N, C-alpha and C. Protein backbone atom coordinates (compact mmCIF):
# COMPACT_ATOMS: atom_id res chain seq x y z
N UNK A 1 -120.62 170.50 -27.41
CA UNK A 1 -121.61 169.96 -28.31
C UNK A 1 -122.49 168.97 -27.56
N UNK A 2 -123.78 168.99 -27.88
CA UNK A 2 -124.74 168.03 -27.36
C UNK A 2 -125.14 167.10 -28.49
N UNK A 3 -124.95 165.81 -28.27
CA UNK A 3 -125.33 164.80 -29.26
C UNK A 3 -126.45 163.97 -28.64
N UNK A 4 -127.59 163.90 -29.32
CA UNK A 4 -128.74 163.16 -28.83
C UNK A 4 -128.93 161.93 -29.70
N UNK A 5 -128.80 160.76 -29.09
CA UNK A 5 -129.05 159.50 -29.78
C UNK A 5 -130.48 159.12 -29.44
N UNK A 6 -131.35 159.11 -30.45
CA UNK A 6 -132.76 158.87 -30.21
C UNK A 6 -133.28 157.72 -31.06
N UNK A 7 -134.47 157.25 -30.69
CA UNK A 7 -135.11 156.15 -31.41
C UNK A 7 -135.90 155.31 -30.43
N UNK A 8 -136.69 154.41 -30.97
CA UNK A 8 -137.51 153.54 -30.14
C UNK A 8 -136.63 152.63 -29.28
N UNK A 9 -137.20 152.08 -28.21
CA UNK A 9 -136.45 151.10 -27.40
C UNK A 9 -135.98 149.93 -28.29
N UNK A 10 -134.85 149.39 -27.92
CA UNK A 10 -134.25 148.22 -28.60
C UNK A 10 -133.74 148.52 -30.00
N UNK A 11 -133.38 149.79 -30.25
CA UNK A 11 -132.77 150.13 -31.54
C UNK A 11 -131.26 150.31 -31.42
N UNK A 12 -130.72 150.23 -30.19
CA UNK A 12 -129.28 150.33 -29.99
C UNK A 12 -128.79 151.67 -29.48
N UNK A 13 -129.70 152.50 -28.96
CA UNK A 13 -129.31 153.83 -28.48
C UNK A 13 -128.23 153.77 -27.41
N UNK A 14 -128.47 152.97 -26.39
CA UNK A 14 -127.52 152.91 -25.26
C UNK A 14 -126.18 152.36 -25.71
N UNK A 15 -126.19 151.35 -26.53
CA UNK A 15 -124.94 150.76 -27.04
C UNK A 15 -124.15 151.80 -27.82
N UNK A 16 -124.81 152.51 -28.74
CA UNK A 16 -124.13 153.52 -29.54
C UNK A 16 -123.68 154.70 -28.68
N UNK A 17 -124.55 155.17 -27.79
CA UNK A 17 -124.21 156.33 -26.95
C UNK A 17 -123.00 156.03 -26.06
N UNK A 18 -122.97 154.84 -25.48
CA UNK A 18 -121.85 154.47 -24.61
C UNK A 18 -120.55 154.36 -25.41
N UNK A 19 -120.63 153.73 -26.58
CA UNK A 19 -119.42 153.58 -27.41
C UNK A 19 -118.91 154.93 -27.89
N UNK A 20 -119.81 155.79 -28.34
CA UNK A 20 -119.41 157.11 -28.80
C UNK A 20 -118.81 157.92 -27.65
N UNK A 21 -119.43 157.85 -26.48
CA UNK A 21 -118.92 158.59 -25.32
C UNK A 21 -117.51 158.14 -24.95
N UNK A 22 -117.30 156.82 -24.95
CA UNK A 22 -115.95 156.31 -24.66
C UNK A 22 -114.95 156.80 -25.70
N UNK A 23 -115.34 156.74 -26.95
CA UNK A 23 -114.42 157.09 -28.04
C UNK A 23 -113.99 158.56 -28.00
N UNK A 24 -114.93 159.47 -27.71
CA UNK A 24 -114.60 160.90 -27.75
C UNK A 24 -114.42 161.51 -26.37
N UNK A 25 -114.53 160.69 -25.32
CA UNK A 25 -114.36 161.20 -23.96
C UNK A 25 -115.51 162.09 -23.52
N UNK A 26 -116.71 161.78 -23.98
CA UNK A 26 -117.90 162.58 -23.66
C UNK A 26 -118.58 162.05 -22.40
N UNK A 27 -119.45 162.86 -21.86
CA UNK A 27 -120.33 162.47 -20.76
C UNK A 27 -121.53 161.78 -21.39
N UNK A 28 -121.88 160.58 -20.90
CA UNK A 28 -123.04 159.85 -21.39
C UNK A 28 -124.15 159.95 -20.35
N UNK A 29 -125.31 160.46 -20.75
CA UNK A 29 -126.46 160.58 -19.87
C UNK A 29 -127.65 159.83 -20.48
N UNK A 30 -128.25 158.94 -19.70
CA UNK A 30 -129.38 158.13 -20.16
C UNK A 30 -130.65 158.53 -19.43
N UNK A 31 -131.68 158.89 -20.18
CA UNK A 31 -132.97 159.22 -19.58
C UNK A 31 -133.55 158.00 -18.87
N UNK A 32 -133.42 156.81 -19.45
CA UNK A 32 -133.95 155.61 -18.80
C UNK A 32 -133.32 155.38 -17.43
N UNK A 33 -132.03 155.56 -17.31
CA UNK A 33 -131.35 155.35 -16.03
C UNK A 33 -131.83 156.35 -14.99
N UNK A 34 -132.02 157.60 -15.40
CA UNK A 34 -132.50 158.63 -14.47
C UNK A 34 -133.95 158.34 -14.08
N UNK A 35 -134.79 157.97 -15.03
CA UNK A 35 -136.18 157.65 -14.71
C UNK A 35 -136.24 156.46 -13.75
N UNK A 36 -135.43 155.46 -13.97
CA UNK A 36 -135.40 154.31 -13.07
C UNK A 36 -135.02 154.74 -11.66
N UNK A 37 -134.03 155.60 -11.53
CA UNK A 37 -133.63 156.09 -10.21
C UNK A 37 -134.77 156.86 -9.54
N UNK A 38 -135.50 157.64 -10.31
CA UNK A 38 -136.62 158.39 -9.76
C UNK A 38 -137.72 157.45 -9.26
N UNK A 39 -137.98 156.39 -10.01
CA UNK A 39 -139.00 155.41 -9.61
C UNK A 39 -138.54 154.63 -8.37
N UNK A 40 -137.25 154.31 -8.30
CA UNK A 40 -136.72 153.63 -7.11
C UNK A 40 -136.85 154.52 -5.88
N UNK A 41 -136.81 155.84 -6.09
CA UNK A 41 -136.93 156.78 -4.98
C UNK A 41 -138.38 156.98 -4.54
N UNK A 42 -139.32 156.38 -5.26
CA UNK A 42 -140.70 156.42 -4.83
C UNK A 42 -141.67 157.14 -5.73
N UNK A 43 -141.22 157.77 -6.80
CA UNK A 43 -142.17 158.38 -7.73
C UNK A 43 -143.00 157.29 -8.39
N UNK A 44 -144.23 157.60 -8.66
CA UNK A 44 -145.10 156.66 -9.35
C UNK A 44 -144.80 156.68 -10.84
N UNK A 45 -144.81 155.50 -11.48
CA UNK A 45 -144.61 155.48 -12.94
C UNK A 45 -145.77 156.19 -13.64
N UNK A 46 -145.46 157.25 -14.34
CA UNK A 46 -146.49 158.01 -15.05
C UNK A 46 -145.80 158.92 -16.06
N UNK A 47 -146.61 159.57 -16.86
CA UNK A 47 -146.08 160.47 -17.88
C UNK A 47 -145.24 161.57 -17.25
N UNK A 48 -145.69 162.11 -16.12
CA UNK A 48 -144.98 163.21 -15.46
C UNK A 48 -143.59 162.77 -15.02
N UNK A 49 -143.46 161.55 -14.52
CA UNK A 49 -142.14 161.05 -14.11
C UNK A 49 -141.21 160.96 -15.32
N UNK A 50 -141.75 160.55 -16.46
CA UNK A 50 -140.95 160.50 -17.67
C UNK A 50 -140.47 161.88 -18.11
N UNK A 51 -141.37 162.85 -18.06
CA UNK A 51 -141.01 164.23 -18.40
C UNK A 51 -139.96 164.75 -17.42
N UNK A 52 -140.15 164.45 -16.14
CA UNK A 52 -139.19 164.90 -15.12
C UNK A 52 -137.80 164.31 -15.38
N UNK A 53 -137.75 163.06 -15.85
CA UNK A 53 -136.45 162.45 -16.17
C UNK A 53 -135.77 163.20 -17.31
N UNK A 54 -136.53 163.59 -18.33
CA UNK A 54 -135.96 164.39 -19.42
C UNK A 54 -135.40 165.70 -18.88
N UNK A 55 -136.17 166.36 -18.02
CA UNK A 55 -135.73 167.64 -17.46
C UNK A 55 -134.49 167.47 -16.59
N UNK A 56 -134.44 166.40 -15.80
CA UNK A 56 -133.26 166.15 -14.95
C UNK A 56 -132.03 165.90 -15.80
N UNK A 57 -132.17 165.11 -16.86
CA UNK A 57 -131.04 164.86 -17.75
C UNK A 57 -130.65 166.15 -18.46
N UNK A 58 -131.64 166.95 -18.84
CA UNK A 58 -131.34 168.24 -19.46
C UNK A 58 -130.52 169.14 -18.55
N UNK A 59 -130.87 169.16 -17.26
CA UNK A 59 -130.12 169.98 -16.29
C UNK A 59 -128.69 169.47 -16.14
N UNK A 60 -128.53 168.14 -16.04
CA UNK A 60 -127.18 167.57 -15.91
C UNK A 60 -126.37 167.82 -17.19
N UNK A 61 -127.03 167.70 -18.33
CA UNK A 61 -126.34 167.96 -19.60
C UNK A 61 -125.88 169.41 -19.66
N UNK A 62 -126.76 170.33 -19.28
CA UNK A 62 -126.40 171.75 -19.32
C UNK A 62 -125.20 172.05 -18.44
N UNK A 63 -125.18 171.51 -17.23
CA UNK A 63 -124.03 171.73 -16.33
C UNK A 63 -122.74 171.25 -16.97
N UNK A 64 -122.78 170.07 -17.58
CA UNK A 64 -121.57 169.53 -18.21
C UNK A 64 -121.18 170.31 -19.46
N UNK A 65 -122.17 170.75 -20.24
CA UNK A 65 -121.88 171.56 -21.43
C UNK A 65 -121.23 172.87 -21.04
N UNK A 66 -121.72 173.49 -19.97
CA UNK A 66 -121.15 174.76 -19.51
C UNK A 66 -119.72 174.59 -19.02
N UNK A 67 -119.35 173.38 -18.65
CA UNK A 67 -117.97 173.08 -18.25
C UNK A 67 -117.09 172.75 -19.46
N UNK A 68 -117.69 172.81 -20.65
CA UNK A 68 -116.93 172.56 -21.87
C UNK A 68 -116.87 171.11 -22.30
N UNK A 69 -117.67 170.27 -21.68
CA UNK A 69 -117.67 168.85 -22.02
C UNK A 69 -118.63 168.57 -23.17
N UNK A 70 -118.30 167.57 -23.96
CA UNK A 70 -119.24 167.04 -24.95
C UNK A 70 -120.18 166.12 -24.19
N UNK A 71 -121.48 166.21 -24.48
CA UNK A 71 -122.47 165.38 -23.82
C UNK A 71 -123.22 164.56 -24.86
N UNK A 72 -123.36 163.27 -24.58
CA UNK A 72 -124.15 162.36 -25.41
C UNK A 72 -125.35 161.93 -24.58
N UNK A 73 -126.54 162.26 -25.05
CA UNK A 73 -127.78 161.88 -24.38
C UNK A 73 -128.39 160.71 -25.12
N UNK A 74 -128.88 159.76 -24.34
CA UNK A 74 -129.51 158.55 -24.82
C UNK A 74 -130.98 158.63 -24.39
N UNK A 75 -131.89 158.89 -25.35
CA UNK A 75 -133.31 159.09 -25.02
C UNK A 75 -134.19 158.79 -26.22
N UNK A 76 -135.37 158.26 -25.99
CA UNK A 76 -136.29 157.97 -27.08
C UNK A 76 -136.57 159.24 -27.88
N UNK A 77 -136.89 160.34 -27.22
CA UNK A 77 -137.14 161.64 -27.87
C UNK A 77 -138.09 161.53 -29.05
N UNK A 78 -139.25 160.88 -28.81
CA UNK A 78 -140.17 160.59 -29.91
C UNK A 78 -141.24 161.66 -30.15
N UNK A 79 -141.06 162.83 -29.55
CA UNK A 79 -142.00 163.93 -29.80
C UNK A 79 -141.20 165.22 -29.97
N UNK A 80 -141.84 166.20 -30.58
CA UNK A 80 -141.16 167.48 -30.74
C UNK A 80 -140.89 168.12 -29.39
N UNK A 81 -141.80 167.93 -28.44
CA UNK A 81 -141.59 168.49 -27.09
C UNK A 81 -140.34 167.89 -26.45
N UNK A 82 -140.14 166.60 -26.63
CA UNK A 82 -138.93 165.96 -26.07
C UNK A 82 -137.69 166.50 -26.77
N UNK A 83 -137.73 166.60 -28.09
CA UNK A 83 -136.57 167.14 -28.82
C UNK A 83 -136.31 168.60 -28.46
N UNK A 84 -137.38 169.35 -28.14
CA UNK A 84 -137.21 170.74 -27.75
C UNK A 84 -136.43 170.85 -26.45
N UNK A 85 -136.59 169.87 -25.56
CA UNK A 85 -135.80 169.85 -24.32
C UNK A 85 -134.31 169.93 -24.65
N UNK A 86 -133.88 169.17 -25.65
CA UNK A 86 -132.45 169.13 -26.00
C UNK A 86 -132.04 170.40 -26.74
N UNK A 87 -132.91 170.93 -27.61
CA UNK A 87 -132.58 172.19 -28.28
C UNK A 87 -132.45 173.32 -27.26
N UNK A 88 -133.36 173.36 -26.29
CA UNK A 88 -133.30 174.39 -25.24
C UNK A 88 -132.04 174.23 -24.39
N UNK A 89 -131.70 172.99 -24.05
CA UNK A 89 -130.50 172.72 -23.25
C UNK A 89 -129.26 173.23 -23.98
N UNK A 90 -129.14 172.88 -25.25
CA UNK A 90 -127.99 173.33 -26.04
C UNK A 90 -127.97 174.86 -26.14
N UNK A 91 -129.14 175.45 -26.34
CA UNK A 91 -129.21 176.91 -26.46
C UNK A 91 -128.76 177.62 -25.19
N UNK A 92 -129.20 177.10 -24.03
CA UNK A 92 -128.80 177.72 -22.76
C UNK A 92 -127.30 177.62 -22.53
N UNK A 93 -126.69 176.58 -23.10
CA UNK A 93 -125.24 176.40 -22.94
C UNK A 93 -124.46 176.99 -24.12
N UNK A 94 -125.18 177.54 -25.10
CA UNK A 94 -124.58 178.14 -26.29
C UNK A 94 -123.68 177.16 -27.04
N UNK A 95 -124.21 175.92 -27.23
CA UNK A 95 -123.49 174.92 -28.01
C UNK A 95 -124.42 174.37 -29.09
N UNK A 96 -123.84 173.68 -30.05
CA UNK A 96 -124.63 173.03 -31.09
C UNK A 96 -125.24 171.75 -30.56
N UNK A 97 -126.42 171.42 -31.08
CA UNK A 97 -127.06 170.13 -30.80
C UNK A 97 -127.13 169.34 -32.09
N UNK A 98 -126.79 168.08 -32.01
CA UNK A 98 -126.87 167.17 -33.15
C UNK A 98 -127.76 166.00 -32.76
N UNK A 99 -128.65 165.61 -33.66
CA UNK A 99 -129.58 164.53 -33.40
C UNK A 99 -129.27 163.35 -34.31
N UNK A 100 -129.24 162.16 -33.72
CA UNK A 100 -129.07 160.92 -34.46
C UNK A 100 -130.29 160.07 -34.17
N UNK A 101 -131.04 159.70 -35.20
CA UNK A 101 -132.24 158.88 -35.04
C UNK A 101 -131.93 157.46 -35.50
N UNK A 102 -132.06 156.51 -34.58
CA UNK A 102 -131.88 155.10 -34.92
C UNK A 102 -133.24 154.50 -35.25
N UNK A 103 -133.32 153.84 -36.38
CA UNK A 103 -134.58 153.24 -36.82
C UNK A 103 -134.63 151.78 -36.39
N UNK A 104 -135.83 151.30 -36.05
CA UNK A 104 -135.95 149.91 -35.62
C UNK A 104 -135.81 148.96 -36.80
N UNK A 105 -135.44 147.72 -36.49
CA UNK A 105 -135.41 146.70 -37.55
C UNK A 105 -136.85 146.33 -37.93
N UNK A 106 -137.00 145.38 -38.82
CA UNK A 106 -138.34 144.90 -39.20
C UNK A 106 -139.13 144.54 -37.95
N UNK A 107 -140.45 144.66 -38.01
CA UNK A 107 -141.28 144.54 -36.80
C UNK A 107 -141.11 143.24 -36.04
N UNK A 108 -140.98 142.10 -36.71
CA UNK A 108 -140.78 140.83 -35.99
C UNK A 108 -139.47 140.84 -35.22
N UNK A 109 -138.41 141.33 -35.83
CA UNK A 109 -137.11 141.40 -35.16
C UNK A 109 -137.16 142.41 -34.01
N UNK A 110 -137.84 143.51 -34.21
CA UNK A 110 -137.94 144.52 -33.15
C UNK A 110 -138.69 143.95 -31.94
N UNK A 111 -139.80 143.25 -32.18
CA UNK A 111 -140.53 142.63 -31.08
C UNK A 111 -139.66 141.61 -30.35
N UNK A 112 -138.89 140.84 -31.11
CA UNK A 112 -138.00 139.84 -30.50
C UNK A 112 -136.96 140.52 -29.61
N UNK A 113 -136.36 141.60 -30.10
CA UNK A 113 -135.37 142.33 -29.31
C UNK A 113 -135.98 142.89 -28.02
N UNK A 114 -137.18 143.47 -28.14
CA UNK A 114 -137.84 144.03 -26.96
C UNK A 114 -138.12 142.95 -25.92
N UNK A 115 -138.62 141.81 -26.38
CA UNK A 115 -138.98 140.73 -25.46
C UNK A 115 -137.75 140.11 -24.80
N UNK A 116 -136.65 140.03 -25.54
CA UNK A 116 -135.45 139.36 -25.03
C UNK A 116 -134.53 140.30 -24.26
N UNK A 117 -134.75 141.56 -24.36
CA UNK A 117 -133.85 142.55 -23.78
C UNK A 117 -133.90 142.51 -22.26
N UNK A 118 -132.72 142.52 -21.67
CA UNK A 118 -132.61 142.59 -20.22
C UNK A 118 -131.85 143.84 -19.86
N UNK A 119 -132.51 144.71 -19.10
CA UNK A 119 -131.89 145.95 -18.65
C UNK A 119 -131.73 145.84 -17.15
N UNK A 120 -130.73 146.48 -16.61
CA UNK A 120 -130.47 146.43 -15.18
C UNK A 120 -131.21 147.56 -14.47
N UNK A 121 -132.54 147.61 -14.69
CA UNK A 121 -133.36 148.62 -14.05
C UNK A 121 -134.24 147.96 -13.02
N UNK A 122 -134.53 148.69 -11.95
CA UNK A 122 -135.34 148.16 -10.87
C UNK A 122 -136.82 148.12 -11.18
N UNK A 123 -137.24 148.85 -12.20
CA UNK A 123 -138.67 148.91 -12.51
C UNK A 123 -138.95 148.36 -13.89
N UNK A 124 -139.79 147.33 -13.93
CA UNK A 124 -140.23 146.75 -15.20
C UNK A 124 -140.89 147.84 -16.02
N UNK A 125 -140.57 147.92 -17.27
CA UNK A 125 -141.21 148.89 -18.14
C UNK A 125 -140.35 150.10 -18.45
N UNK A 126 -139.34 150.39 -17.63
CA UNK A 126 -138.46 151.51 -17.96
C UNK A 126 -137.77 151.15 -19.26
N UNK A 127 -137.89 152.02 -20.24
CA UNK A 127 -137.27 151.78 -21.54
C UNK A 127 -138.12 150.93 -22.46
N UNK A 128 -139.27 150.45 -21.98
CA UNK A 128 -140.16 149.66 -22.84
C UNK A 128 -141.49 150.36 -23.04
N UNK A 129 -142.08 150.74 -21.93
CA UNK A 129 -143.37 151.42 -21.88
C UNK A 129 -144.36 150.86 -22.89
N UNK A 130 -144.82 151.69 -23.78
CA UNK A 130 -145.91 151.30 -24.67
C UNK A 130 -145.43 150.60 -25.96
N UNK A 131 -144.16 150.30 -26.06
CA UNK A 131 -143.63 149.81 -27.33
C UNK A 131 -143.71 148.30 -27.48
N UNK A 132 -143.89 147.59 -26.39
CA UNK A 132 -143.89 146.13 -26.45
C UNK A 132 -145.27 145.62 -26.82
């Protein structure tokens, strides 16, 4: 099974995905972590790098699904094209995909969380982009 935890930055995706993965023994894959690694390797921050991170996580998810593992993906997935990546990944592995959408808190609290959030990424903006 592929479980996709989605929602805007600072809604708790990573926290929930990590906890769920630990609880059920699933593989946890984060698009933000993969995108950060790609940027550290020299890719320029742009839309294409973000799409490439989704595709890389999709490939890693598919490999793990084909091995019979449950995979939990942590990604904003704010467009149908992004969600289609996960539906296609699940389809290629012949498993079910489940989507969980986390909604942000009230706008003042959401802005506060975004501003105060510290992520261990090498590139400013990974996981924030246009939302701050």
